[in-house]
Amino acid sequence: MGFTSPIQCNIRDITEHKRIVVALQENEKKYHDLVSQSTDGIFIFELSGQILTVNEAMCKELAFSKEEFLSMSIWTSSGKIFGTIRLRLTKILEQESIGRPKNTRCRGKNGKLHYVDVISVPRYSGKDMIGFQGIARDITTRKRAEQEIHRQLDHFKVLSVIDRAIAANFDLRSACRKFLPM
């Protein structure tokens, strides 16, 4: 008679695990699409200031490649690009309230001036702050339109003063005598 060895078999239902994996992949794709298709600049920085990610809108608007951005640190890079953002993030680190979006200016690689509204918030892993994330909305067109409105208002004010001066010195009867027989 031969010796028989026992066989042990463990069977585990992985249906739920597979469902979770598919759901995570779908969520990741939604997040990726949201970031990559956004017309606003989206950024994530480490606490050290190292840029972890920027989207195409930010690269396009400021004329930097993604690789150039990823090689930068907000604490050591040019103030023309990150100056106001640095101040805002320092306030966050100092536990100050930052209120609403910060309207600021920055220069792109090509020197072009951009007006942006920046919303930045801390990034956490558990209870530990590990960096910052934010959105930079280009408001250059709006700011230039506002500047043009202010310029035109200033011209209107000057014309209004001139108009009042002319009206105060203008004698309608004598003007009419010159042009109309009485």
N, C-alpha and C. Protein backbone atom coordinates (compact mmCIF):
# COMPACT_ATOMS: atom_id res chain seq x y z
N MET A 1 0.83 -1.16 0.00
CA MET A 1 0.00 0.00 0.00
C MET A 1 0.89 1.23 0.00
N GLY A 2 0.47 2.17 -0.81
CA GLY A 2 1.27 3.38 -0.94
C GLY A 2 0.87 4.47 0.05
N PHE A 3 1.78 5.35 0.27
CA PHE A 3 1.54 6.45 1.17
C PHE A 3 0.86 7.58 0.40
N THR A 4 -0.21 8.14 0.92
CA THR A 4 -0.91 9.26 0.29
C THR A 4 -0.64 10.51 1.12
N SER A 5 -0.33 11.59 0.42
CA SER A 5 -0.09 12.84 1.14
C SER A 5 -1.33 13.71 1.07
N PRO A 6 -1.61 14.39 2.14
CA PRO A 6 -2.80 15.24 2.14
C PRO A 6 -2.57 16.47 1.25
N ILE A 7 -3.61 16.94 0.63
CA ILE A 7 -3.57 18.14 -0.22
C ILE A 7 -4.39 19.21 0.49
N GLN A 8 -3.78 20.36 0.58
CA GLN A 8 -4.49 21.48 1.17
C GLN A 8 -4.67 22.54 0.10
N CYS A 9 -5.83 23.10 0.02
CA CYS A 9 -6.14 24.09 -1.00
C CYS A 9 -6.86 25.26 -0.34
N ASN A 10 -6.36 26.46 -0.58
CA ASN A 10 -7.01 27.67 -0.09
C ASN A 10 -7.63 28.39 -1.27
N ILE A 11 -8.88 28.68 -1.17
CA ILE A 11 -9.58 29.40 -2.23
C ILE A 11 -10.08 30.71 -1.64
N ARG A 12 -9.79 31.78 -2.36
CA ARG A 12 -10.20 33.09 -1.89
C ARG A 12 -10.92 33.82 -3.01
N ASP A 13 -12.06 34.36 -2.72
CA ASP A 13 -12.83 35.11 -3.70
C ASP A 13 -12.19 36.50 -3.84
N ILE A 14 -11.71 36.83 -5.04
CA ILE A 14 -11.06 38.12 -5.26
C ILE A 14 -11.95 39.07 -6.07
N THR A 15 -13.21 38.76 -6.17
CA THR A 15 -14.15 39.59 -6.92
C THR A 15 -14.17 41.02 -6.38
N GLU A 16 -14.27 41.16 -5.07
CA GLU A 16 -14.31 42.49 -4.46
C GLU A 16 -13.00 43.24 -4.70
N HIS A 17 -11.89 42.54 -4.59
CA HIS A 17 -10.57 43.15 -4.83
C HIS A 17 -10.49 43.67 -6.26
N LYS A 18 -10.93 42.88 -7.22
CA LYS A 18 -10.91 43.27 -8.63
C LYS A 18 -11.79 44.50 -8.85
N ARG A 19 -12.95 44.53 -8.21
CA ARG A 19 -13.87 45.66 -8.35
C ARG A 19 -13.21 46.94 -7.81
N ILE A 20 -12.51 46.83 -6.69
CA ILE A 20 -11.83 47.98 -6.10
C ILE A 20 -10.71 48.47 -7.02
N VAL A 21 -9.96 47.55 -7.59
CA VAL A 21 -8.87 47.93 -8.51
C VAL A 21 -9.43 48.68 -9.71
N VAL A 22 -10.51 48.20 -10.30
CA VAL A 22 -11.13 48.87 -11.45
C VAL A 22 -11.64 50.25 -11.05
N ALA A 23 -12.27 50.36 -9.88
CA ALA A 23 -12.77 51.66 -9.41
C ALA A 23 -11.62 52.65 -9.20
N LEU A 24 -10.51 52.18 -8.64
CA LEU A 24 -9.34 53.04 -8.45
C LEU A 24 -8.77 53.50 -9.79
N GLN A 25 -8.70 52.60 -10.76
CA GLN A 25 -8.20 52.97 -12.09
C GLN A 25 -9.11 54.00 -12.75
N GLU A 26 -10.41 53.82 -12.60
CA GLU A 26 -11.36 54.79 -13.17
C GLU A 26 -11.21 56.16 -12.50
N ASN A 27 -11.07 56.18 -11.17
CA ASN A 27 -10.87 57.44 -10.45
C ASN A 27 -9.57 58.11 -10.85
N GLU A 28 -8.53 57.32 -11.01
CA GLU A 28 -7.24 57.87 -11.42
C GLU A 28 -7.35 58.52 -12.80
N LYS A 29 -8.06 57.88 -13.72
CA LYS A 29 -8.25 58.43 -15.06
C LYS A 29 -9.05 59.73 -14.99
N LYS A 30 -10.10 59.77 -14.16
CA LYS A 30 -10.88 61.01 -14.01
C LYS A 30 -10.01 62.14 -13.49
N TYR A 31 -9.19 61.86 -12.47
CA TYR A 31 -8.28 62.86 -11.90
C TYR A 31 -7.29 63.32 -12.96
N HIS A 32 -6.69 62.38 -13.67
CA HIS A 32 -5.73 62.72 -14.71
C HIS A 32 -6.37 63.59 -15.78
N ASP A 33 -7.57 63.23 -16.22
CA ASP A 33 -8.27 64.02 -17.24
C ASP A 33 -8.58 65.42 -16.73
N LEU A 34 -9.03 65.52 -15.49
CA LEU A 34 -9.34 66.82 -14.90
C LEU A 34 -8.11 67.72 -14.89
N VAL A 35 -7.00 67.21 -14.44
CA VAL A 35 -5.77 68.00 -14.36
C VAL A 35 -5.23 68.32 -15.75
N SER A 36 -5.16 67.34 -16.62
CA SER A 36 -4.55 67.56 -17.93
C SER A 36 -5.42 68.42 -18.84
N GLN A 37 -6.74 68.40 -18.68
CA GLN A 37 -7.61 69.16 -19.57
C GLN A 37 -8.02 70.51 -18.99
N SER A 38 -7.61 70.81 -17.78
CA SER A 38 -7.97 72.09 -17.17
C SER A 38 -7.30 73.23 -17.92
N THR A 39 -8.02 74.33 -18.08
CA THR A 39 -7.42 75.52 -18.69
C THR A 39 -6.70 76.37 -17.64
N ASP A 40 -6.88 76.04 -16.37
CA ASP A 40 -6.16 76.70 -15.29
C ASP A 40 -4.88 75.93 -15.00
N GLY A 41 -3.85 76.64 -14.55
CA GLY A 41 -2.62 75.97 -14.15
C GLY A 41 -2.84 75.25 -12.83
N ILE A 42 -2.37 74.02 -12.76
CA ILE A 42 -2.49 73.22 -11.54
C ILE A 42 -1.09 72.78 -11.14
N PHE A 43 -0.76 72.92 -9.86
CA PHE A 43 0.59 72.58 -9.40
C PHE A 43 0.53 71.85 -8.06
N ILE A 44 1.57 71.06 -7.82
CA ILE A 44 1.77 70.41 -6.53
C ILE A 44 3.25 70.55 -6.18
N PHE A 45 3.54 71.06 -4.97
CA PHE A 45 4.91 71.23 -4.49
C PHE A 45 5.11 70.38 -3.25
N GLU A 46 6.34 69.92 -3.06
CA GLU A 46 6.71 69.31 -1.79
C GLU A 46 6.97 70.44 -0.80
N LEU A 47 7.01 70.12 0.47
CA LEU A 47 7.31 71.11 1.49
C LEU A 47 8.70 71.72 1.26
N SER A 48 9.60 70.94 0.69
CA SER A 48 10.95 71.44 0.39
C SER A 48 10.92 72.48 -0.73
N GLY A 49 9.80 72.58 -1.43
CA GLY A 49 9.69 73.52 -2.54
C GLY A 49 9.84 72.86 -3.90
N GLN A 50 10.27 71.61 -3.90
CA GLN A 50 10.42 70.90 -5.17
C GLN A 50 9.05 70.74 -5.84
N ILE A 51 9.00 71.06 -7.11
CA ILE A 51 7.74 70.94 -7.85
C ILE A 51 7.55 69.49 -8.23
N LEU A 52 6.43 68.92 -7.83
CA LEU A 52 6.13 67.51 -8.14
C LEU A 52 5.39 67.37 -9.45
N THR A 53 4.46 68.30 -9.70
CA THR A 53 3.71 68.21 -10.95
C THR A 53 3.12 69.57 -11.31
N VAL A 54 3.03 69.80 -12.58
CA VAL A 54 2.32 70.95 -13.16
C VAL A 54 1.59 70.42 -14.38
N ASN A 55 0.48 71.04 -14.71
CA ASN A 55 -0.24 70.58 -15.88
C ASN A 55 0.18 71.36 -17.13
N GLU A 56 -0.33 70.94 -18.27
CA GLU A 56 0.03 71.54 -19.55
C GLU A 56 -0.37 73.01 -19.62
N ALA A 57 -1.50 73.38 -19.03
CA ALA A 57 -1.95 74.77 -19.08
C ALA A 57 -0.91 75.69 -18.44
N MET A 58 -0.34 75.27 -17.33
CA MET A 58 0.67 76.09 -16.65
C MET A 58 1.94 76.18 -17.50
N CYS A 59 2.33 75.06 -18.08
CA CYS A 59 3.51 75.04 -18.95
C CYS A 59 3.31 75.96 -20.15
N LYS A 60 2.17 75.84 -20.78
CA LYS A 60 1.88 76.63 -21.98
C LYS A 60 1.84 78.11 -21.66
N GLU A 61 1.15 78.49 -20.60
CA GLU A 61 0.97 79.90 -20.26
C GLU A 61 2.29 80.57 -19.90
N LEU A 62 3.15 79.88 -19.16
CA LEU A 62 4.41 80.48 -18.72
C LEU A 62 5.59 80.12 -19.61
N ALA A 63 5.34 79.32 -20.65
CA ALA A 63 6.34 78.98 -21.67
C ALA A 63 7.52 78.16 -21.13
N PHE A 64 7.28 77.38 -20.07
CA PHE A 64 8.28 76.45 -19.57
C PHE A 64 7.84 75.04 -19.94
N SER A 65 8.82 74.17 -20.19
CA SER A 65 8.47 72.77 -20.40
C SER A 65 8.19 72.13 -19.04
N LYS A 66 7.53 71.00 -19.08
CA LYS A 66 7.25 70.28 -17.82
C LYS A 66 8.56 69.92 -17.12
N GLU A 67 9.56 69.51 -17.90
CA GLU A 67 10.87 69.14 -17.33
C GLU A 67 11.52 70.33 -16.64
N GLU A 68 11.40 71.53 -17.26
CA GLU A 68 11.98 72.72 -16.63
C GLU A 68 11.29 73.01 -15.30
N PHE A 69 9.96 72.93 -15.28
CA PHE A 69 9.24 73.14 -14.03
C PHE A 69 9.66 72.13 -12.97
N LEU A 70 9.75 70.85 -13.36
CA LEU A 70 10.06 69.80 -12.39
C LEU A 70 11.48 69.92 -11.84
N SER A 71 12.34 70.67 -12.53
CA SER A 71 13.70 70.86 -12.02
C SER A 71 13.80 72.09 -11.11
N MET A 72 12.70 72.82 -10.95
CA MET A 72 12.69 74.04 -10.13
C MET A 72 12.27 73.76 -8.69
N SER A 73 12.65 74.69 -7.84
CA SER A 73 12.16 74.71 -6.46
C SER A 73 11.57 76.10 -6.25
N ILE A 74 10.40 76.18 -5.66
CA ILE A 74 9.79 77.50 -5.47
C ILE A 74 10.56 78.35 -4.48
N TRP A 75 11.35 77.74 -3.60
CA TRP A 75 12.08 78.52 -2.61
C TRP A 75 13.35 79.12 -3.21
N THR A 76 13.90 78.53 -4.26
CA THR A 76 15.16 79.02 -4.81
C THR A 76 15.03 79.58 -6.21
N SER A 77 13.92 79.36 -6.90
CA SER A 77 13.76 79.85 -8.27
C SER A 77 13.49 81.35 -8.29
N SER A 78 13.53 81.89 -9.46
CA SER A 78 13.36 83.32 -9.68
C SER A 78 12.10 83.86 -9.01
N GLY A 79 12.24 85.00 -8.37
CA GLY A 79 11.10 85.68 -7.77
C GLY A 79 10.09 86.12 -8.81
N LYS A 80 10.54 86.28 -10.06
CA LYS A 80 9.62 86.69 -11.12
C LYS A 80 8.55 85.64 -11.34
N ILE A 81 8.88 84.38 -11.08
CA ILE A 81 7.92 83.30 -11.31
C ILE A 81 7.14 83.01 -10.05
N PHE A 82 7.82 82.83 -8.93
CA PHE A 82 7.18 82.31 -7.73
C PHE A 82 7.17 83.27 -6.55
N GLY A 83 7.59 84.52 -6.73
CA GLY A 83 7.73 85.45 -5.61
C GLY A 83 6.51 85.54 -4.71
N THR A 84 5.37 85.87 -5.27
CA THR A 84 4.16 86.03 -4.46
C THR A 84 3.66 84.70 -3.94
N ILE A 85 3.81 83.65 -4.74
CA ILE A 85 3.39 82.32 -4.29
C ILE A 85 4.23 81.92 -3.07
N ARG A 86 5.53 82.22 -3.10
CA ARG A 86 6.40 81.93 -1.95
C ARG A 86 5.89 82.63 -0.69
N LEU A 87 5.53 83.91 -0.83
CA LEU A 87 5.02 84.66 0.33
C LEU A 87 3.74 84.03 0.86
N ARG A 88 2.88 83.64 -0.03
CA ARG A 88 1.60 83.03 0.37
C ARG A 88 1.84 81.70 1.10
N LEU A 89 2.72 80.88 0.57
CA LEU A 89 2.99 79.59 1.18
C LEU A 89 3.70 79.75 2.53
N THR A 90 4.53 80.77 2.64
CA THR A 90 5.18 81.06 3.93
C THR A 90 4.12 81.40 4.97
N LYS A 91 3.09 82.16 4.58
CA LYS A 91 2.00 82.48 5.51
C LYS A 91 1.27 81.21 5.94
N ILE A 92 1.08 80.29 5.01
CA ILE A 92 0.43 79.02 5.36
C ILE A 92 1.29 78.28 6.38
N LEU A 93 2.60 78.23 6.14
CA LEU A 93 3.51 77.55 7.07
C LEU A 93 3.49 78.20 8.45
N GLU A 94 3.28 79.51 8.50
CA GLU A 94 3.25 80.22 9.76
C GLU A 94 1.85 80.20 10.39
N GLN A 95 0.96 79.38 9.80
CA GLN A 95 -0.39 79.19 10.33
C GLN A 95 -1.27 80.43 10.20
N GLU A 96 -0.92 81.35 9.30
CA GLU A 96 -1.75 82.52 9.10
C GLU A 96 -2.91 82.18 8.17
N SER A 97 -3.99 82.87 8.37
CA SER A 97 -5.13 82.69 7.48
C SER A 97 -4.81 83.34 6.14
N ILE A 98 -5.11 82.66 5.06
CA ILE A 98 -4.79 83.21 3.75
C ILE A 98 -6.02 83.72 3.01
N GLY A 99 -7.19 83.50 3.59
CA GLY A 99 -8.40 84.07 3.00
C GLY A 99 -8.68 83.59 1.59
N ARG A 100 -9.02 84.53 0.76
CA ARG A 100 -9.44 84.19 -0.60
C ARG A 100 -8.26 84.12 -1.57
N PRO A 101 -8.55 83.83 -2.84
CA PRO A 101 -7.46 83.73 -3.82
C PRO A 101 -6.63 85.01 -3.87
N LYS A 102 -5.36 84.83 -4.11
CA LYS A 102 -4.43 85.96 -4.17
C LYS A 102 -4.23 86.36 -5.62
N ASN A 103 -4.51 87.63 -5.90
CA ASN A 103 -4.30 88.18 -7.22
C ASN A 103 -2.85 88.63 -7.29
N THR A 104 -2.09 88.09 -8.23
CA THR A 104 -0.67 88.39 -8.28
C THR A 104 -0.18 88.46 -9.72
N ARG A 105 1.09 88.79 -9.87
CA ARG A 105 1.71 88.84 -11.20
C ARG A 105 2.90 87.90 -11.22
N CYS A 106 3.17 87.35 -12.39
CA CYS A 106 4.39 86.57 -12.57
C CYS A 106 4.83 86.69 -14.02
N ARG A 107 6.08 86.41 -14.26
CA ARG A 107 6.61 86.48 -15.62
C ARG A 107 6.92 85.07 -16.10
N GLY A 108 6.59 84.84 -17.35
CA GLY A 108 6.91 83.56 -17.96
C GLY A 108 8.36 83.52 -18.40
N LYS A 109 8.75 82.42 -18.93
CA LYS A 109 10.13 82.23 -19.40
C LYS A 109 10.49 83.28 -20.45
N ASN A 110 9.52 83.65 -21.28
CA ASN A 110 9.75 84.62 -22.34
C ASN A 110 9.67 86.06 -21.86
N GLY A 111 9.48 86.28 -20.56
CA GLY A 111 9.42 87.63 -20.00
C GLY A 111 8.03 88.24 -20.01
N LYS A 112 7.07 87.56 -20.59
CA LYS A 112 5.70 88.08 -20.67
C LYS A 112 5.09 88.13 -19.27
N LEU A 113 4.45 89.27 -18.97
CA LEU A 113 3.81 89.46 -17.67
C LEU A 113 2.42 88.83 -17.68
N HIS A 114 2.13 88.04 -16.64
CA HIS A 114 0.82 87.40 -16.48
C HIS A 114 0.23 87.84 -15.15
N TYR A 115 -1.06 88.11 -15.16
CA TYR A 115 -1.80 88.34 -13.93
C TYR A 115 -2.53 87.04 -13.62
N VAL A 116 -2.41 86.56 -12.39
CA VAL A 116 -3.03 85.30 -12.02
C VAL A 116 -3.71 85.39 -10.66
N ASP A 117 -4.78 84.64 -10.50
CA ASP A 117 -5.38 84.40 -9.21
C ASP A 117 -4.86 83.06 -8.75
N VAL A 118 -4.22 83.02 -7.60
CA VAL A 118 -3.64 81.78 -7.09
C VAL A 118 -4.41 81.33 -5.86
N ILE A 119 -4.83 80.09 -5.88
CA ILE A 119 -5.44 79.45 -4.73
C ILE A 119 -4.50 78.32 -4.34
N SER A 120 -3.95 78.37 -3.15
CA SER A 120 -3.04 77.31 -2.71
C SER A 120 -3.42 76.88 -1.30
N VAL A 121 -3.32 75.60 -1.09
CA VAL A 121 -3.66 75.02 0.21
C VAL A 121 -2.61 73.97 0.58
N PRO A 122 -2.48 73.70 1.86
CA PRO A 122 -1.53 72.66 2.29
C PRO A 122 -1.96 71.28 1.79
N ARG A 123 -0.98 70.43 1.61
CA ARG A 123 -1.21 69.02 1.27
C ARG A 123 -0.78 68.19 2.46
N TYR A 124 -1.61 67.23 2.84
CA TYR A 124 -1.33 66.45 4.05
C TYR A 124 -1.21 64.97 3.72
N SER A 125 -0.42 64.29 4.53
CA SER A 125 -0.40 62.84 4.59
C SER A 125 -0.71 62.52 6.05
N GLY A 126 -1.94 62.10 6.28
CA GLY A 126 -2.39 61.96 7.66
C GLY A 126 -2.50 63.34 8.28
N LYS A 127 -1.79 63.54 9.39
CA LYS A 127 -1.81 64.85 10.04
C LYS A 127 -0.60 65.71 9.68
N ASP A 128 0.32 65.15 8.91
CA ASP A 128 1.56 65.85 8.57
C ASP A 128 1.43 66.63 7.27
N MET A 129 1.78 67.93 7.32
CA MET A 129 1.82 68.72 6.09
C MET A 129 3.02 68.26 5.28
N ILE A 130 2.79 67.92 4.02
CA ILE A 130 3.88 67.42 3.18
C ILE A 130 4.14 68.32 1.97
N GLY A 131 3.32 69.35 1.80
CA GLY A 131 3.52 70.24 0.67
C GLY A 131 2.32 71.12 0.43
N PHE A 132 2.21 71.57 -0.81
CA PHE A 132 1.15 72.47 -1.21
C PHE A 132 0.59 72.05 -2.55
N GLN A 133 -0.65 72.39 -2.76
CA GLN A 133 -1.25 72.17 -4.07
C GLN A 133 -2.07 73.41 -4.38
N GLY A 134 -2.25 73.67 -5.65
CA GLY A 134 -3.01 74.86 -5.96
C GLY A 134 -3.39 74.99 -7.41
N ILE A 135 -4.11 76.07 -7.65
CA ILE A 135 -4.59 76.39 -8.99
C ILE A 135 -4.20 77.83 -9.27
N ALA A 136 -3.70 78.08 -10.46
CA ALA A 136 -3.34 79.43 -10.90
C ALA A 136 -4.19 79.75 -12.13
N ARG A 137 -5.11 80.67 -11.96
CA ARG A 137 -6.01 81.06 -13.07
C ARG A 137 -5.47 82.34 -13.71
N ASP A 138 -5.22 82.28 -15.00
CA ASP A 138 -4.73 83.44 -15.73
C ASP A 138 -5.87 84.45 -15.89
N ILE A 139 -5.66 85.65 -15.35
CA ILE A 139 -6.67 86.71 -15.45
C ILE A 139 -6.10 87.92 -16.19
N THR A 140 -5.09 87.69 -17.02
CA THR A 140 -4.42 88.77 -17.75
C THR A 140 -5.40 89.56 -18.59
N THR A 141 -6.25 88.90 -19.35
CA THR A 141 -7.21 89.59 -20.21
C THR A 141 -8.14 90.47 -19.38
N ARG A 142 -8.63 89.93 -18.28
CA ARG A 142 -9.51 90.70 -17.41
C ARG A 142 -8.80 91.92 -16.83
N LYS A 143 -7.56 91.74 -16.35
CA LYS A 143 -6.82 92.84 -15.75
C LYS A 143 -6.53 93.93 -16.77
N ARG A 144 -6.18 93.53 -17.99
CA ARG A 144 -5.91 94.54 -19.02
C ARG A 144 -7.19 95.29 -19.40
N ALA A 145 -8.31 94.60 -19.42
CA ALA A 145 -9.60 95.26 -19.69
C ALA A 145 -9.92 96.25 -18.57
N GLU A 146 -9.66 95.86 -17.31
CA GLU A 146 -9.89 96.76 -16.18
C GLU A 146 -9.00 97.99 -16.29
N GLN A 147 -7.74 97.78 -16.67
CA GLN A 147 -6.82 98.91 -16.83
C GLN A 147 -7.32 99.85 -17.93
N GLU A 148 -7.82 99.30 -19.02
CA GLU A 148 -8.35 100.11 -20.11
C GLU A 148 -9.59 100.89 -19.67
N ILE A 149 -10.45 100.28 -18.88
CA ILE A 149 -11.63 100.97 -18.35
C ILE A 149 -11.20 102.14 -17.47
N HIS A 150 -10.21 101.92 -16.61
CA HIS A 150 -9.72 102.99 -15.74
C HIS A 150 -9.11 104.13 -16.57
N ARG A 151 -8.38 103.77 -17.61
CA ARG A 151 -7.78 104.78 -18.49
C ARG A 151 -8.87 105.61 -19.16
N GLN A 152 -9.91 104.94 -19.66
CA GLN A 152 -11.01 105.65 -20.31
C GLN A 152 -11.79 106.50 -19.31
N LEU A 153 -11.97 106.02 -18.09
CA LEU A 153 -12.63 106.83 -17.05
C LEU A 153 -11.84 108.09 -16.75
N ASP A 154 -10.51 107.97 -16.70
CA ASP A 154 -9.67 109.14 -16.47
C ASP A 154 -9.85 110.16 -17.60
N HIS A 155 -9.90 109.67 -18.85
CA HIS A 155 -10.13 110.56 -20.00
C HIS A 155 -11.50 111.23 -19.90
N PHE A 156 -12.50 110.47 -19.50
CA PHE A 156 -13.85 111.00 -19.35
C PHE A 156 -13.88 112.11 -18.30
N LYS A 157 -13.17 111.88 -17.19
CA LYS A 157 -13.12 112.90 -16.13
C LYS A 157 -12.51 114.19 -16.66
N VAL A 158 -11.44 114.08 -17.43
CA VAL A 158 -10.79 115.26 -18.00
C VAL A 158 -11.75 115.97 -18.95
N LEU A 159 -12.41 115.21 -19.82
CA LEU A 159 -13.36 115.81 -20.76
C LEU A 159 -14.52 116.47 -20.02
N SER A 160 -14.96 115.88 -18.92
CA SER A 160 -16.04 116.45 -18.13
C SER A 160 -15.63 117.79 -17.54
N VAL A 161 -14.40 117.89 -17.05
CA VAL A 161 -13.89 119.15 -16.50
C VAL A 161 -13.82 120.21 -17.61
N ILE A 162 -13.31 119.82 -18.76
CA ILE A 162 -13.22 120.75 -19.90
C ILE A 162 -14.61 121.20 -20.32
N ASP A 163 -15.56 120.26 -20.38
CA ASP A 163 -16.93 120.57 -20.76
C ASP A 163 -17.55 121.59 -19.80
N ARG A 164 -17.35 121.39 -18.50
CA ARG A 164 -17.90 122.33 -17.51
C ARG A 164 -17.25 123.70 -17.64
N ALA A 165 -15.93 123.73 -17.92
CA ALA A 165 -15.23 125.01 -18.09
C ALA A 165 -15.76 125.75 -19.32
N ILE A 166 -15.98 125.05 -20.39
CA ILE A 166 -16.52 125.66 -21.60
C ILE A 166 -17.93 126.18 -21.34
N ALA A 167 -18.75 125.36 -20.70
CA ALA A 167 -20.13 125.75 -20.42
C ALA A 167 -20.19 126.98 -19.51
N ALA A 168 -19.29 127.08 -18.56
CA ALA A 168 -19.30 128.21 -17.63
C ALA A 168 -18.91 129.51 -18.34
N ASN A 169 -18.07 129.43 -19.33
CA ASN A 169 -17.59 130.63 -20.03
C ASN A 169 -18.36 130.90 -21.33
N PHE A 170 -19.32 130.13 -21.60
CA PHE A 170 -20.01 130.22 -22.88
C PHE A 170 -21.30 131.03 -22.72
N ASP A 171 -21.42 132.08 -23.48
CA ASP A 171 -22.62 132.92 -23.47
C ASP A 171 -23.41 132.57 -24.73
N LEU A 172 -24.56 131.93 -24.54
CA LEU A 172 -25.35 131.45 -25.65
C LEU A 172 -25.88 132.58 -26.54
N ARG A 173 -26.26 133.70 -25.95
CA ARG A 173 -26.79 134.81 -26.75
C ARG A 173 -25.74 135.40 -27.67
N SER A 174 -24.56 135.62 -27.13
CA SER A 174 -23.53 136.21 -27.98
C SER A 174 -23.08 135.24 -29.06
N ALA A 175 -23.09 133.95 -28.75
CA ALA A 175 -22.73 132.96 -29.77
C ALA A 175 -23.78 132.92 -30.86
N CYS A 176 -25.05 133.04 -30.48
CA CYS A 176 -26.13 133.01 -31.47
C CYS A 176 -26.09 134.27 -32.34
N ARG A 177 -25.71 135.44 -31.80
CA ARG A 177 -25.62 136.68 -32.58
C ARG A 177 -24.60 136.58 -33.67
N LYS A 178 -23.53 135.83 -33.41
CA LYS A 178 -22.48 135.71 -34.43
C LYS A 178 -22.97 134.90 -35.60
N PHE A 179 -23.85 133.93 -35.37
CA PHE A 179 -24.25 133.01 -36.44
C PHE A 179 -25.68 133.23 -36.94
N LEU A 180 -26.53 133.84 -36.13
CA LEU A 180 -27.92 134.03 -36.52
C LEU A 180 -28.27 135.52 -36.50
N PRO A 181 -28.93 135.97 -37.54
CA PRO A 181 -29.38 137.40 -37.49
C PRO A 181 -30.51 137.56 -36.48
N MET A 182 -30.48 138.60 -35.70
CA MET A 182 -31.52 138.82 -34.68
C MET A 182 -32.31 140.04 -35.03
